[in-house]
Amino acid sequence: MDNIRVNSANSKTEIERAFFLLQEIKEKEIQLHHFGISYENRTLQLQKEDIQSIETIKDMEVFLSEYNR
């Protein structure tokens, strides 16, 4: 996956891409301790527990919206 910054213009597409990447990693049982997403000039670091709790695109959006406050 390219190193693409998420912003208001591309957020829907990039959030979906990040979600599908996380799902693929989880399905392959690759262990991640953290996963970073750059959003609005900041980086959201999802920890292992956060990664496991993300089951839908909406879950990913919630993390980003709470982080963006």
PDB file of N, CA and C in Angstrom:
ATOM      1  N   MET A   1       0.851  -1.175   0.000  1.00  0.00           N
ATOM      2  CA  MET A   1       0.000   0.000   0.000  1.00  0.00           C
ATOM      3  C   MET A   1       0.891   1.231   0.000  1.00  0.00           C
ATOM      4  N   ASP A   2       0.537   2.180  -0.819  1.00  0.00           N
ATOM      5  CA  ASP A   2       1.316   3.408  -0.899  1.00  0.00           C
ATOM      6  C   ASP A   2       1.195   4.198   0.392  1.00  0.00           C
ATOM      7  N   ASN A   3       2.174   5.037   0.647  1.00  0.00           N
ATOM      8  CA  ASN A   3       2.122   5.936   1.791  1.00  0.00           C
ATOM      9  C   ASN A   3       1.317   7.169   1.367  1.00  0.00           C
ATOM     10  N   ILE A   4       0.002   7.102   1.574  1.00  0.00           N
ATOM     11  CA  ILE A   4      -0.916   8.160   1.148  1.00  0.00           C
ATOM     12  C   ILE A   4      -1.519   8.800   2.390  1.00  0.00           C
ATOM     13  N   ARG A   5      -1.481  10.112   2.442  1.00  0.00           N
ATOM     14  CA  ARG A   5      -2.091  10.816   3.566  1.00  0.00           C
ATOM     15  C   ARG A   5      -3.595  10.920   3.372  1.00  0.00           C
ATOM     16  N   VAL A   6      -4.333  10.606   4.417  1.00  0.00           N
ATOM     17  CA  VAL A   6      -5.791  10.706   4.381  1.00  0.00           C
ATOM     18  C   VAL A   6      -6.170  12.139   4.699  1.00  0.00           C
ATOM     19  N   ASN A   7      -7.038  12.704   3.869  1.00  0.00           N
ATOM     20  CA  ASN A   7      -7.547  14.053   4.117  1.00  0.00           C
ATOM     21  C   ASN A   7      -9.035  14.074   3.784  1.00  0.00           C
ATOM     22  N   SER A   8      -9.672  15.204   3.923  1.00  0.00           N
ATOM     23  CA  SER A   8     -11.113  15.268   3.712  1.00  0.00           C
ATOM     24  C   SER A   8     -11.511  14.909   2.277  1.00  0.00           C
ATOM     25  N   ALA A   9     -10.643  15.154   1.307  1.00  0.00           N
ATOM     26  CA  ALA A   9     -10.973  14.876  -0.089  1.00  0.00           C
ATOM     27  C   ALA A   9     -10.938  13.382  -0.425  1.00  0.00           C
ATOM     28  N   ASN A  10     -10.091  12.619   0.248  1.00  0.00           N
ATOM     29  CA  ASN A  10      -9.945  11.202  -0.095  1.00  0.00           C
ATOM     30  C   ASN A  10     -10.260  10.264   1.067  1.00  0.00           C
ATOM     31  N   SER A  11     -10.831  10.780   2.140  1.00  0.00           N
ATOM     32  CA  SER A  11     -10.979   9.982   3.360  1.00  0.00           C
ATOM     33  C   SER A  11     -11.793   8.712   3.169  1.00  0.00           C
ATOM     34  N   LYS A  12     -12.910   8.764   2.471  1.00  0.00           N
ATOM     35  CA  LYS A  12     -13.746   7.567   2.313  1.00  0.00           C
ATOM     36  C   LYS A  12     -12.976   6.442   1.633  1.00  0.00           C
ATOM     37  N   THR A  13     -12.336   6.754   0.522  1.00  0.00           N
ATOM     38  CA  THR A  13     -11.585   5.741  -0.219  1.00  0.00           C
ATOM     39  C   THR A  13     -10.417   5.204   0.592  1.00  0.00           C
ATOM     40  N   GLU A  14      -9.662   6.084   1.229  1.00  0.00           N
ATOM     41  CA  GLU A  14      -8.470   5.650   1.959  1.00  0.00           C
ATOM     42  C   GLU A  14      -8.822   4.918   3.250  1.00  0.00           C
ATOM     43  N   ILE A  15      -9.903   5.303   3.902  1.00  0.00           N
ATOM     44  CA  ILE A  15     -10.341   4.573   5.097  1.00  0.00           C
ATOM     45  C   ILE A  15     -10.745   3.156   4.701  1.00  0.00           C
ATOM     46  N   GLU A  16     -11.439   3.020   3.577  1.00  0.00           N
ATOM     47  CA  GLU A  16     -11.806   1.692   3.089  1.00  0.00           C
ATOM     48  C   GLU A  16     -10.558   0.865   2.776  1.00  0.00           C
ATOM     49  N   ARG A  17      -9.583   1.479   2.121  1.00  0.00           N
ATOM     50  CA  ARG A  17      -8.340   0.764   1.800  1.00  0.00           C
ATOM     51  C   ARG A  17      -7.629   0.300   3.070  1.00  0.00           C
ATOM     52  N   ALA A  18      -7.549   1.176   4.066  1.00  0.00           N
ATOM     53  CA  ALA A  18      -6.901   0.809   5.331  1.00  0.00           C
ATOM     54  C   ALA A  18      -7.658  -0.324   6.013  1.00  0.00           C
ATOM     55  N   PHE A  19      -8.984  -0.243   5.996  1.00  0.00           N
ATOM     56  CA  PHE A  19      -9.805  -1.288   6.608  1.00  0.00           C
ATOM     57  C   PHE A  19      -9.560  -2.636   5.921  1.00  0.00           C
ATOM     58  N   PHE A  20      -9.619  -2.649   4.581  1.00  0.00           N
ATOM     59  CA  PHE A  20      -9.436  -3.906   3.858  1.00  0.00           C
ATOM     60  C   PHE A  20      -8.023  -4.460   4.040  1.00  0.00           C
ATOM     61  N   LEU A  21      -7.042  -3.600   4.141  1.00  0.00           N
ATOM     62  CA  LEU A  21      -5.683  -4.049   4.428  1.00  0.00           C
ATOM     63  C   LEU A  21      -5.623  -4.701   5.808  1.00  0.00           C
ATOM     64  N   LEU A  22      -6.204  -4.057   6.807  1.00  0.00           N
ATOM     65  CA  LEU A  22      -6.224  -4.640   8.160  1.00  0.00           C
ATOM     66  C   LEU A  22      -6.935  -5.987   8.161  1.00  0.00           C
ATOM     67  N   GLN A  23      -8.059  -6.079   7.459  1.00  0.00           N
ATOM     68  CA  GLN A  23      -8.809  -7.340   7.411  1.00  0.00           C
ATOM     69  C   GLN A  23      -7.970  -8.443   6.781  1.00  0.00           C
ATOM     70  N   GLU A  24      -7.268  -8.121   5.710  1.00  0.00           N
ATOM     71  CA  GLU A  24      -6.421  -9.115   5.045  1.00  0.00           C
ATOM     72  C   GLU A  24      -5.302  -9.578   5.980  1.00  0.00           C
ATOM     73  N   ILE A  25      -4.698  -8.665   6.687  1.00  0.00           N
ATOM     74  CA  ILE A  25      -3.642  -9.000   7.643  1.00  0.00           C
ATOM     75  C   ILE A  25      -4.192  -9.903   8.747  1.00  0.00           C
ATOM     76  N   LYS A  26      -5.375  -9.574   9.247  1.00  0.00           N
ATOM     77  CA  LYS A  26      -5.991 -10.388  10.304  1.00  0.00           C
ATOM     78  C   LYS A  26      -6.344 -11.785   9.794  1.00  0.00           C
ATOM     79  N   GLU A  27      -6.872 -11.876   8.563  1.00  0.00           N
ATOM     80  CA  GLU A  27      -7.225 -13.180   7.992  1.00  0.00           C
ATOM     81  C   GLU A  27      -6.001 -14.058   7.809  1.00  0.00           C
ATOM     82  N   LYS A  28      -4.874 -13.452   7.494  1.00  0.00           N
ATOM     83  CA  LYS A  28      -3.631 -14.214   7.312  1.00  0.00           C
ATOM     84  C   LYS A  28      -2.936 -14.468   8.652  1.00  0.00           C
ATOM     85  N   GLU A  29      -3.561 -13.986   9.722  1.00  0.00           N
ATOM     86  CA  GLU A  29      -3.067 -14.177  11.091  1.00  0.00           C
ATOM     87  C   GLU A  29      -1.674 -13.600  11.291  1.00  0.00           C
ATOM     88  N   ILE A  30      -1.411 -12.488  10.632  1.00  0.00           N
ATOM     89  CA  ILE A  30      -0.162 -11.755  10.836  1.00  0.00           C
ATOM     90  C   ILE A  30      -0.345 -10.904  12.086  1.00  0.00           C
ATOM     91  N   GLN A  31       0.567 -11.006  13.018  1.00  0.00           N
ATOM     92  CA  GLN A  31       0.455 -10.280  14.273  1.00  0.00           C
ATOM     93  C   GLN A  31       0.999  -8.865  14.133  1.00  0.00           C
ATOM     94  N   LEU A  32       0.149  -7.876  14.390  1.00  0.00           N
ATOM     95  CA  LEU A  32       0.561  -6.475  14.389  1.00  0.00           C
ATOM     96  C   LEU A  32       0.478  -5.938  15.808  1.00  0.00           C
ATOM     97  N   HIS A  33       1.455  -5.146  16.191  1.00  0.00           N
ATOM     98  CA  HIS A  33       1.412  -4.501  17.498  1.00  0.00           C
ATOM     99  C   HIS A  33       0.895  -3.083  17.385  1.00  0.00           C
ATOM    100  N   HIS A  34       1.042  -2.487  16.195  1.00  0.00           N
ATOM    101  CA  HIS A  34       0.449  -1.176  15.944  1.00  0.00           C
ATOM    102  C   HIS A  34       0.326  -0.953  14.444  1.00  0.00           C
ATOM    103  N   PHE A  35      -0.551  -0.028  14.075  1.00  0.00           N
ATOM    104  CA  PHE A  35      -0.829   0.282  12.680  1.00  0.00           C
ATOM    105  C   PHE A  35      -1.077   1.779  12.619  1.00  0.00           C
ATOM    106  N   GLY A  36      -0.330   2.498  11.796  1.00  0.00           N
ATOM    107  CA  GLY A  36      -0.443   3.956  11.738  1.00  0.00           C
ATOM    108  C   GLY A  36      -1.205   4.429  10.519  1.00  0.00           C
ATOM    109  N   ILE A  37      -2.057   5.426  10.732  1.00  0.00           N
ATOM    110  CA  ILE A  37      -2.788   6.066   9.644  1.00  0.00           C
ATOM    111  C   ILE A  37      -2.588   7.565   9.778  1.00  0.00           C
ATOM    112  N   SER A  38      -2.033   8.185   8.743  1.00  0.00           N
ATOM    113  CA  SER A  38      -1.877   9.639   8.746  1.00  0.00           C
ATOM    114  C   SER A  38      -3.195  10.259   8.326  1.00  0.00           C
ATOM    115  N   TYR A  39      -3.672  11.225   9.118  1.00  0.00           N
ATOM    116  CA  TYR A  39      -4.970  11.844   8.860  1.00  0.00           C
ATOM    117  C   TYR A  39      -4.915  13.298   9.287  1.00  0.00           C
ATOM    118  N   GLU A  40      -5.191  14.195   8.350  1.00  0.00           N
ATOM    119  CA  GLU A  40      -5.193  15.626   8.640  1.00  0.00           C
ATOM    120  C   GLU A  40      -3.904  16.067   9.345  1.00  0.00           C
ATOM    121  N   ASN A  41      -2.757  15.691   8.790  1.00  0.00           N
ATOM    122  CA  ASN A  41      -1.429  16.077   9.284  1.00  0.00           C
ATOM    123  C   ASN A  41      -1.079  15.513  10.658  1.00  0.00           C
ATOM    124  N   ARG A  42      -1.778  14.485  11.084  1.00  0.00           N
ATOM    125  CA  ARG A  42      -1.443  13.775  12.326  1.00  0.00           C
ATOM    126  C   ARG A  42      -1.442  12.291  12.023  1.00  0.00           C
ATOM    127  N   THR A  43      -0.875  11.494  12.885  1.00  0.00           N
ATOM    128  CA  THR A  43      -0.853  10.049  12.675  1.00  0.00           C
ATOM    129  C   THR A  43      -1.576   9.347  13.814  1.00  0.00           C
ATOM    130  N   LEU A  44      -2.585   8.581  13.440  1.00  0.00           N
ATOM    131  CA  LEU A  44      -3.321   7.754  14.391  1.00  0.00           C
ATOM    132  C   LEU A  44      -2.592   6.427  14.491  1.00  0.00           C
ATOM    133  N   GLN A  45      -2.186   6.044  15.673  1.00  0.00           N
ATOM    134  CA  GLN A  45      -1.537   4.765  15.901  1.00  0.00           C
ATOM    135  C   GLN A  45      -2.542   3.831  16.559  1.00  0.00           C
ATOM    136  N   LEU A  46      -2.979   2.826  15.830  1.00  0.00           N
ATOM    137  CA  LEU A  46      -3.866   1.812  16.393  1.00  0.00           C
ATOM    138  C   LEU A  46      -3.014   0.759  17.079  1.00  0.00           C
ATOM    139  N   GLN A  47      -3.315   0.476  18.312  1.00  0.00           N
ATOM    140  CA  GLN A  47      -2.595  -0.541  19.062  1.00  0.00           C
ATOM    141  C   GLN A  47      -3.230  -1.904  18.803  1.00  0.00           C
ATOM    142  N   LYS A  48      -2.587  -2.958  19.258  1.00  0.00           N
ATOM    143  CA  LYS A  48      -3.037  -4.329  19.016  1.00  0.00           C
ATOM    144  C   LYS A  48      -4.508  -4.517  19.398  1.00  0.00           C
ATOM    145  N   GLU A  49      -4.917  -3.985  20.541  1.00  0.00           N
ATOM    146  CA  GLU A  49      -6.304  -4.142  21.000  1.00  0.00           C
ATOM    147  C   GLU A  49      -7.268  -3.405  20.066  1.00  0.00           C
ATOM    148  N   ASP A  50      -6.850  -2.227  19.589  1.00  0.00           N
ATOM    149  CA  ASP A  50      -7.674  -1.452  18.656  1.00  0.00           C
ATOM    150  C   ASP A  50      -7.845  -2.218  17.349  1.00  0.00           C
ATOM    151  N   ILE A  51      -6.759  -2.775  16.848  1.00  0.00           N
ATOM    152  CA  ILE A  51      -6.788  -3.516  15.590  1.00  0.00           C
ATOM    153  C   ILE A  51      -7.782  -4.664  15.676  1.00  0.00           C
ATOM    154  N   GLN A  52      -7.739  -5.393  16.781  1.00  0.00           N
ATOM    155  CA  GLN A  52      -8.645  -6.529  16.950  1.00  0.00           C
ATOM    156  C   GLN A  52     -10.107  -6.096  17.039  1.00  0.00           C
ATOM    157  N   SER A  53     -10.362  -4.892  17.535  1.00  0.00           N
ATOM    158  CA  SER A  53     -11.740  -4.442  17.714  1.00  0.00           C
ATOM    159  C   SER A  53     -12.365  -3.886  16.431  1.00  0.00           C
ATOM    160  N   ILE A  54     -11.569  -3.646  15.404  1.00  0.00           N
ATOM    161  CA  ILE A  54     -12.090  -3.098  14.154  1.00  0.00           C
ATOM    162  C   ILE A  54     -12.614  -4.238  13.287  1.00  0.00           C
ATOM    163  N   GLU A  55     -13.940  -4.274  13.153  1.00  0.00           N
ATOM    164  CA  GLU A  55     -14.583  -5.328  12.369  1.00  0.00           C
ATOM    165  C   GLU A  55     -15.304  -4.793  11.138  1.00  0.00           C
ATOM    166  N   THR A  56     -15.530  -3.473  11.069  1.00  0.00           N
ATOM    167  CA  THR A  56     -16.255  -2.880   9.946  1.00  0.00           C
ATOM    168  C   THR A  56     -15.575  -1.572   9.535  1.00  0.00           C
ATOM    169  N   ILE A  57     -15.931  -1.099   8.357  1.00  0.00           N
ATOM    170  CA  ILE A  57     -15.425   0.200   7.913  1.00  0.00           C
ATOM    171  C   ILE A  57     -15.897   1.282   8.872  1.00  0.00           C
ATOM    172  N   LYS A  58     -17.108   1.150   9.376  1.00  0.00           N
ATOM    173  CA  LYS A  58     -17.650   2.121  10.336  1.00  0.00           C
ATOM    174  C   LYS A  58     -16.774   2.184  11.584  1.00  0.00           C
ATOM    175  N   ASP A  59     -16.293   1.035  12.063  1.00  0.00           N
ATOM    176  CA  ASP A  59     -15.392   1.020  13.224  1.00  0.00           C
ATOM    177  C   ASP A  59     -14.144   1.856  12.944  1.00  0.00           C
ATOM    178  N   MET A  60     -13.599   1.716  11.743  1.00  0.00           N
ATOM    179  CA  MET A  60     -12.413   2.491  11.363  1.00  0.00           C
ATOM    180  C   MET A  60     -12.747   3.977  11.342  1.00  0.00           C
ATOM    181  N   GLU A  61     -13.904   4.331  10.792  1.00  0.00           N
ATOM    182  CA  GLU A  61     -14.331   5.731  10.743  1.00  0.00           C
ATOM    183  C   GLU A  61     -14.492   6.301  12.148  1.00  0.00           C
ATOM    184  N   VAL A  62     -15.021   5.498  13.076  1.00  0.00           N
ATOM    185  CA  VAL A  62     -15.209   5.950  14.453  1.00  0.00           C
ATOM    186  C   VAL A  62     -13.867   6.281  15.098  1.00  0.00           C
ATOM    187  N   PHE A  63     -12.879   5.412  14.911  1.00  0.00           N
ATOM    188  CA  PHE A  63     -11.542   5.670  15.455  1.00  0.00           C
ATOM    189  C   PHE A  63     -11.005   6.988  14.928  1.00  0.00           C
ATOM    190  N   LEU A  64     -11.143   7.220  13.623  1.00  0.00           N
ATOM    191  CA  LEU A  64     -10.625   8.447  13.033  1.00  0.00           C
ATOM    192  C   LEU A  64     -11.407   9.665  13.472  1.00  0.00           C
ATOM    193  N   SER A  65     -12.719   9.551  13.598  1.00  0.00           N
ATOM    194  CA  SER A  65     -13.507  10.716  14.017  1.00  0.00           C
ATOM    195  C   SER A  65     -13.213  11.082  15.474  1.00  0.00           C
ATOM    196  N   GLU A  66     -13.062  10.082  16.337  1.00  0.00           N
ATOM    197  CA  GLU A  66     -12.717  10.352  17.737  1.00  0.00           C
ATOM    198  C   GLU A  66     -11.317  10.946  17.830  1.00  0.00           C
ATOM    199  N   TYR A  67     -10.401  10.444  17.013  1.00  0.00           N
ATOM    200  CA  TYR A  67      -9.032  10.942  17.008  1.00  0.00           C
ATOM    201  C   TYR A  67      -8.956  12.369  16.502  1.00  0.00           C
ATOM    202  N   ASN A  68      -9.826  12.720  15.565  1.00  0.00           N
ATOM    203  CA  ASN A  68      -9.785  14.021  14.915  1.00  0.00           C
ATOM    204  C   ASN A  68     -10.359  15.133  15.793  1.00  0.00           C
ATOM    205  N   ARG A  69     -10.963  14.815  16.921  1.00  0.00           N
ATOM    206  CA  ARG A  69     -11.548  15.829  17.810  1.00  0.00           C
ATOM    207  C   ARG A  69     -10.512  16.728  18.411  1.00  0.00           C
TER     208      ARG A  69
END
